[in-house]
Protein backbone atom coordinates (compact mmCIF):
# COMPACT_ATOMS: atom_id res chain seq x y z
CA UNK A 1 125.71 -8.31 150.16
CA UNK A 2 125.18 -5.52 147.53
CA UNK A 3 122.38 -3.01 149.12
CA UNK A 4 119.61 -2.37 146.53
CA UNK A 5 120.84 1.39 146.71
CA UNK A 6 124.18 0.46 145.19
CA UNK A 7 122.56 -0.86 142.48
CA UNK A 8 121.95 1.11 138.97
CA UNK A 9 118.80 0.43 136.90
CA UNK A 10 117.66 0.66 133.64
CA UNK A 11 115.49 -0.64 131.00
CA UNK A 12 116.96 -1.03 127.40
CA UNK A 13 114.27 -0.69 125.09
CA UNK A 14 112.44 -3.21 127.04
CA UNK A 15 115.76 -5.60 128.80
CA UNK A 16 116.28 -4.38 132.53
CA UNK A 17 119.93 -3.73 133.42
CA UNK A 18 121.20 -3.63 136.45
CA UNK A 19 124.83 -2.28 137.57
CA UNK A 20 126.30 -2.69 140.73
CA UNK A 21 129.95 -1.56 141.95
CA UNK A 22 131.88 1.51 143.56
CA UNK A 23 129.87 5.10 142.95
CA UNK A 24 132.57 6.21 140.16
CA UNK A 25 131.62 3.34 138.10
CA UNK A 26 128.09 3.36 138.52
CA UNK A 27 128.19 7.29 137.73
CA UNK A 28 130.40 6.58 134.03
CA UNK A 29 128.02 4.55 133.12
CA UNK A 30 124.69 6.22 134.34
CA UNK A 31 126.44 9.28 131.88
CA UNK A 32 125.84 6.59 129.08
CA UNK A 33 122.66 5.48 129.91
CA UNK A 34 120.47 8.06 131.55
CA UNK A 35 117.58 8.06 129.24
CA UNK A 36 116.72 4.61 130.00
CA UNK A 37 117.21 4.72 133.63
CA UNK A 38 114.38 3.01 136.00
CA UNK A 39 113.55 2.41 139.54
CA UNK A 40 112.51 -1.24 139.75
CA UNK A 41 113.35 -4.00 136.91
CA UNK A 42 111.84 -7.39 136.42
CA UNK A 43 113.38 -10.95 137.89
CA UNK A 44 115.04 -11.17 134.48
CA UNK A 45 117.81 -8.95 134.02
CA UNK A 46 121.21 -9.01 132.73
CA UNK A 47 123.62 -8.00 135.65
CA UNK A 48 126.85 -6.03 135.28
CA UNK A 49 129.17 -6.58 138.58
CA UNK A 50 132.49 -4.52 139.15
CA UNK A 51 134.69 -5.32 141.98
CA UNK A 52 137.83 -3.09 142.94
CA UNK A 53 140.92 -4.78 143.57
CA UNK A 54 144.21 -3.20 144.72
CA UNK A 55 147.73 -2.68 142.67
CA UNK A 56 149.09 -5.88 144.33
CA UNK A 57 145.88 -7.96 145.13
CA UNK A 58 145.10 -10.80 142.59
CA UNK A 59 142.29 -10.11 140.43
CA UNK A 60 139.24 -11.72 141.18
CA UNK A 61 138.33 -12.67 137.36
CA UNK A 62 140.07 -15.34 136.10
CA UNK A 63 140.13 -17.47 132.54
CA UNK A 64 137.77 -20.56 132.42
CA UNK A 65 138.94 -23.60 132.16
CA UNK A 66 139.91 -24.95 129.10
CA UNK A 67 141.31 -23.79 125.69
CA UNK A 68 139.49 -20.45 124.78
CA UNK A 69 139.47 -19.28 120.86
CA UNK A 70 140.55 -15.83 120.29
CA UNK A 71 137.77 -13.63 118.71
CA UNK A 72 140.05 -10.59 118.05
CA UNK A 73 143.33 -9.49 117.14
CA UNK A 74 145.63 -10.15 119.55
CA UNK A 75 147.25 -7.11 121.68
CA UNK A 76 146.89 -5.12 124.45
CA UNK A 77 143.14 -6.83 124.75
CA UNK A 78 143.38 -10.42 125.15
CA UNK A 79 139.57 -11.52 123.96
CA UNK A 80 138.75 -15.41 124.21
CA UNK A 81 135.87 -17.47 123.71
CA UNK A 82 135.15 -20.39 125.78
CA UNK A 83 132.75 -22.36 123.65
CA UNK A 84 132.07 -25.61 126.54
CA UNK A 85 131.30 -22.75 129.10
CA UNK A 86 129.75 -20.27 126.69
CA UNK A 87 131.43 -17.72 128.04
CA UNK A 88 133.70 -14.73 127.03
CA UNK A 89 136.67 -13.68 128.97
CA UNK A 90 138.45 -10.38 128.27
CA UNK A 91 141.66 -9.02 129.54
CA UNK A 92 142.58 -5.11 129.04
CA UNK A 93 146.31 -5.51 129.92
CA UNK A 94 145.58 -6.63 133.37
CA UNK A 95 144.18 -3.52 134.28
CA UNK A 96 140.72 -4.71 134.02
CA UNK A 97 139.38 -8.55 133.41
CA UNK A 98 135.96 -9.96 132.64
CA UNK A 99 133.65 -12.77 132.36
CA UNK A 100 130.86 -12.39 130.60
CA UNK A 101 128.22 -15.49 130.84
CA UNK A 102 125.75 -15.23 128.94
CA UNK A 103 123.64 -18.40 130.21
CA UNK A 104 123.55 -16.33 133.95
CA UNK A 105 122.94 -12.91 132.32
CA UNK A 106 125.95 -12.51 134.36
CA UNK A 107 129.19 -10.03 133.44
CA UNK A 108 131.67 -9.69 136.36
CA UNK A 109 134.53 -7.03 136.14
CA UNK A 110 137.71 -7.25 138.05
CA UNK A 111 139.04 -3.59 138.18
CA UNK A 112 142.40 -3.19 139.23
CA UNK A 113 143.62 0.11 141.11
CA UNK A 114 140.47 2.35 139.72
CA UNK A 115 140.48 5.65 139.51
CA UNK A 116 139.93 8.34 136.81
CA UNK A 117 141.92 7.00 134.82
CA UNK A 118 140.42 3.98 134.65
CA UNK A 119 136.36 5.39 134.40
CA UNK A 120 136.16 5.50 130.63
CA UNK A 121 137.61 1.86 129.99
CA UNK A 122 134.65 0.51 132.65
CA UNK A 123 132.58 2.29 131.55
CA UNK A 124 133.15 2.31 127.65
CA UNK A 125 135.03 -0.76 126.31
CA UNK A 126 134.77 -2.59 129.61
CA UNK A 127 131.12 -2.36 129.17
CA UNK A 128 130.21 -1.94 126.05
CA UNK A 129 131.74 -5.23 124.39
CA UNK A 130 129.90 -7.32 126.60
CA UNK A 131 126.11 -5.27 126.90
CA UNK A 132 126.77 -6.21 123.17
CA UNK A 133 126.86 -9.87 123.50
CA UNK A 134 124.38 -10.48 126.58
CA UNK A 135 122.01 -8.41 124.11
CA UNK A 136 122.24 -10.33 120.98
CA UNK A 137 121.77 -13.55 122.54
CA UNK A 138 117.69 -11.76 123.71
CA UNK A 139 117.77 -10.14 119.74
CA UNK A 140 119.28 -6.94 119.91
CA UNK A 141 122.11 -6.63 117.54
CA UNK A 142 124.70 -4.29 117.98
CA UNK A 143 126.02 -1.72 114.63
CA UNK A 144 129.18 0.52 115.55
CA UNK A 145 127.52 3.52 113.42
CA UNK A 146 126.39 7.45 113.90
CA UNK A 147 122.90 7.14 113.58
CA UNK A 148 120.15 10.07 112.63
CA UNK A 149 116.29 9.53 111.47
CA UNK A 150 114.24 11.44 109.24
CA UNK A 151 110.79 11.04 108.16
CA UNK A 152 111.19 7.70 110.12
CA UNK A 153 114.03 6.60 108.30
CA UNK A 154 117.39 5.85 109.35
CA UNK A 155 120.30 7.49 108.03
CA UNK A 156 123.55 5.26 109.37
CA UNK A 157 127.04 6.07 108.92
CA UNK A 158 129.52 3.09 109.71
CA UNK A 159 132.94 3.25 109.33
CA UNK A 160 136.28 3.43 111.11
CA UNK A 161 137.25 6.07 114.30
CA UNK A 162 138.51 8.84 111.51
CA UNK A 163 135.94 8.52 108.92
CA UNK A 164 134.33 11.72 109.98
CA UNK A 165 131.06 10.74 111.24
CA UNK A 166 130.31 12.47 114.08
CA UNK A 167 131.04 15.65 112.20
CA UNK A 168 128.63 14.17 109.57
CA UNK A 169 125.74 13.13 113.18
CA UNK A 170 126.23 16.70 114.33
CA UNK A 171 125.87 18.85 110.69
CA UNK A 172 122.82 16.57 110.14
CA UNK A 173 121.04 16.92 113.71
CA UNK A 174 121.62 20.95 113.82
CA UNK A 175 119.59 21.15 110.77
CA UNK A 176 116.43 19.17 111.84
CA UNK A 177 117.32 15.26 111.88
CA UNK A 178 116.96 13.60 114.98
CA UNK A 179 119.03 11.70 116.99
CA UNK A 180 119.73 7.86 117.59
CA UNK A 181 123.41 7.33 118.62
CA UNK A 182 126.98 8.76 118.03
CA UNK A 183 128.64 5.54 117.92
CA UNK A 184 126.06 2.56 118.50
CA UNK A 185 122.83 1.42 117.62
CA UNK A 186 121.10 -1.91 117.92
CA UNK A 187 119.31 -3.87 115.30
CA UNK A 188 115.85 -5.54 116.09
CA UNK A 189 113.73 -7.89 113.96
CA UNK A 190 109.76 -6.21 114.31
CA UNK A 191 106.80 -7.27 112.80
CA UNK A 192 107.28 -5.49 109.48
CA UNK A 193 111.13 -5.68 108.85
CA UNK A 194 114.31 -4.57 110.69
CA UNK A 195 114.27 -1.44 113.66
CA UNK A 196 116.94 0.61 114.07
CA UNK A 197 117.06 1.19 117.85
CA UNK A 198 118.40 3.94 119.67
CA UNK A 199 121.95 4.48 122.06
CA UNK A 200 121.54 7.94 122.95
CA UNK A 201 124.93 7.37 124.57
CA UNK A 202 127.29 10.35 125.03
CA UNK A 203 128.40 12.60 121.75
CA UNK A 204 132.72 12.34 121.27
CA UNK A 205 133.82 14.87 119.35
CA UNK A 206 137.24 15.82 118.23
CA UNK A 207 138.41 19.47 118.82
CA UNK A 208 138.30 19.71 115.00
CA UNK A 209 134.57 18.97 114.48
CA UNK A 210 133.98 21.43 117.33
CA UNK A 211 135.90 24.16 115.62
CA UNK A 212 133.33 23.63 112.52
CA UNK A 213 130.42 25.25 114.31
CA UNK A 214 130.05 28.49 116.48
CA UNK A 215 127.42 26.86 119.02
CA UNK A 216 129.97 24.45 120.09
CA UNK A 217 132.93 26.70 121.09
CA UNK A 218 131.90 26.37 124.88
CA UNK A 219 132.87 22.32 124.35
CA UNK A 220 136.34 23.59 124.24
CA UNK A 221 136.45 23.56 128.07
CA UNK A 222 135.25 20.38 128.83
CA UNK A 223 137.81 17.98 129.75
CA UNK A 224 139.00 14.99 127.85
CA UNK A 225 138.68 11.28 129.67
CA UNK A 226 142.75 9.93 130.48
CA UNK A 227 143.98 8.60 127.15
CA UNK A 228 141.08 9.97 125.26
CA UNK A 229 141.67 12.27 122.21
CA UNK A 230 138.05 13.45 122.23
CA UNK A 231 135.40 15.58 124.62
CA UNK A 232 132.07 13.87 125.68
CA UNK A 233 128.81 15.67 126.04
CA UNK A 234 125.46 14.39 126.31
CA UNK A 235 123.13 15.10 123.24
CA UNK A 236 120.33 16.87 124.97
CA UNK A 237 122.41 19.27 125.99
CA UNK A 238 123.39 20.00 122.50
CA UNK A 239 120.19 19.75 120.83
CA UNK A 240 117.27 19.49 123.22
CA UNK A 241 114.16 17.39 121.58
CA UNK A 242 115.80 15.75 119.27
CA UNK A 243 116.01 12.11 120.27
CA UNK A 244 114.81 9.14 118.60
CA UNK A 245 113.80 5.98 120.12
CA UNK A 246 113.68 4.05 117.13
CA UNK A 247 113.15 3.39 113.35
CA UNK A 248 112.88 1.69 109.72
CA UNK A 249 115.96 1.22 108.05
CA UNK A 250 116.70 4.30 105.34
CA UNK A 251 120.15 5.06 104.31
CA UNK A 252 123.32 2.99 105.01
CA UNK A 253 126.41 5.47 104.41
CA UNK A 254 129.86 4.69 104.68
CA UNK A 255 131.84 7.80 104.58
CA UNK A 256 135.60 8.92 104.46
CA UNK A 257 136.94 12.82 104.09
CA UNK A 258 138.16 13.37 101.28
CA UNK A 259 139.60 17.19 101.74
CA UNK A 260 137.93 18.57 98.91
CA UNK A 261 135.62 21.16 98.08
CA UNK A 262 132.60 18.87 96.80
CA UNK A 263 130.95 15.93 98.51
CA UNK A 264 130.74 12.68 96.24
CA UNK A 265 128.03 10.60 96.95
CA UNK A 266 128.19 7.16 94.64
CA UNK A 267 125.77 3.88 95.16
CA UNK A 268 127.23 0.55 96.88
CA UNK A 269 126.29 -2.70 96.05
CA UNK A 270 124.04 -4.55 99.54
CA UNK A 271 127.08 -7.72 99.30
CA UNK A 272 130.14 -5.02 99.33
CA UNK A 273 128.03 -3.27 102.46
CA UNK A 274 127.29 -6.29 104.02
CA UNK A 275 131.06 -7.12 103.91
CA UNK A 276 131.85 -3.53 105.59
CA UNK A 277 129.58 -4.51 108.55
CA UNK A 278 130.66 -8.02 109.52
CA UNK A 279 133.30 -6.87 111.79
CA UNK A 280 130.27 -5.95 114.21
CA UNK A 281 129.81 -9.47 115.03
CA UNK A 282 131.10 -10.65 118.08
CA UNK A 283 131.99 -14.38 117.02
CA UNK A 284 130.99 -15.99 119.73
CA UNK A 285 128.58 -19.22 119.97
CA UNK A 286 127.13 -20.05 116.47
CA UNK A 287 123.73 -19.74 116.29
CA UNK A 288 123.76 -16.23 117.66
CA UNK A 289 126.41 -15.19 115.62
CA UNK A 290 124.67 -16.27 112.56
CA UNK A 291 121.61 -14.45 114.09
CA UNK A 292 123.53 -11.54 114.09
CA UNK A 293 124.86 -11.92 110.51
CA UNK A 294 121.13 -12.50 109.31
CA UNK A 295 120.25 -9.12 111.14
CA UNK A 296 122.79 -7.11 109.14
CA UNK A 297 121.91 -8.76 106.07
CA UNK A 298 117.87 -7.48 106.04
CA UNK A 299 119.39 -4.13 107.52
CA UNK A 300 121.39 -3.77 104.10
CA UNK A 301 118.55 -5.50 102.03
CA UNK A 302 116.44 -2.66 103.24
CA UNK A 303 118.75 0.20 103.18
CA UNK A 304 119.91 2.37 100.09
CA UNK A 305 123.66 1.93 100.76
CA UNK A 306 126.29 4.23 99.25
CA UNK A 307 130.17 5.27 100.08
CA UNK A 308 130.35 9.04 100.51
CA UNK A 309 133.75 11.35 99.70
CA UNK A 310 132.63 13.92 102.51
CA UNK A 311 134.01 17.45 101.09
CA UNK A 312 134.00 20.80 102.72
CA UNK A 313 130.54 21.49 101.70
CA UNK A 314 129.02 20.19 105.00
CA UNK A 315 125.88 22.64 104.05
CA UNK A 316 124.45 20.92 101.03
CA UNK A 317 124.51 17.22 102.73
CA UNK A 318 121.35 17.71 104.95
CA UNK A 319 119.17 18.11 101.73
CA UNK A 320 121.04 15.63 99.84
CA UNK A 321 120.41 13.09 102.45
CA UNK A 322 117.07 14.21 102.85
CA UNK A 323 116.38 14.20 99.56
CA UNK A 324 117.94 10.60 99.09
CA UNK A 325 116.20 9.13 102.34
CA UNK A 326 112.24 10.26 100.45
CA UNK A 327 113.03 8.11 98.04
CA UNK A 328 114.08 5.01 99.96
């Protein structure tokens, strides 16, 4: 029996989330969801249940019966969707297995040889992917992006790892932009259009980004999670008072590092922008996947879209984005 003291509780934009498991797992997830921590939840909430197993023990999670459909490229992460059961099964190289059951709003995770080396995996990919799947069934649709806000409008930087999104995020926050999230936000349809909902997760910074800003020098002493090349810090520890809960769409920008002296911003048509965002959709059941596509389509229509070739002129970028956001 799980004691109430062993359950961490959160209210994420009105949706309850309960996490039970070993203290190390709950602490690692709390570092991500601390702003949403609550004392009590309503009966209807999402549940994450972590179980630890020994190195030689059998996992408590096994694939559902029948044939699963791959929803990601094969590799170290084995992801299958079982349509008849409406369940998502993920195997992280046999170190972590999980079964996400949207009908029960429940995720069961089996963690082998859990220790510090597993805490990043259990609290990040093995938590974020099923969380995004369960939230999309409740009308919140995930978007991988660094996200800021200026004058009530979102400034979103979408792209692959290494595109310089976190560097742009720090550049703007320190110049007065509000902070929505470093890696992910969620979209929800409101009475007057789409809303961008903040996910003020830890900020992941490379040593190269830290070196660009003198006030971040002290972060070089922070440890890195095993297997992770970035350092993690809570956003409010860097820039207090900059958190933003939600805002309307404004700018959608796809950056890449040019290495040149000056940055170049080029308009982008909405069709091309939407194609760039399709990888955000977890292709599970058709209804929620279509709703996710509809949300992304609405976001693109309600945003001004650009490609950014990021140069070394970081000091010029805040006013550039402030100006085009004002005209959006």
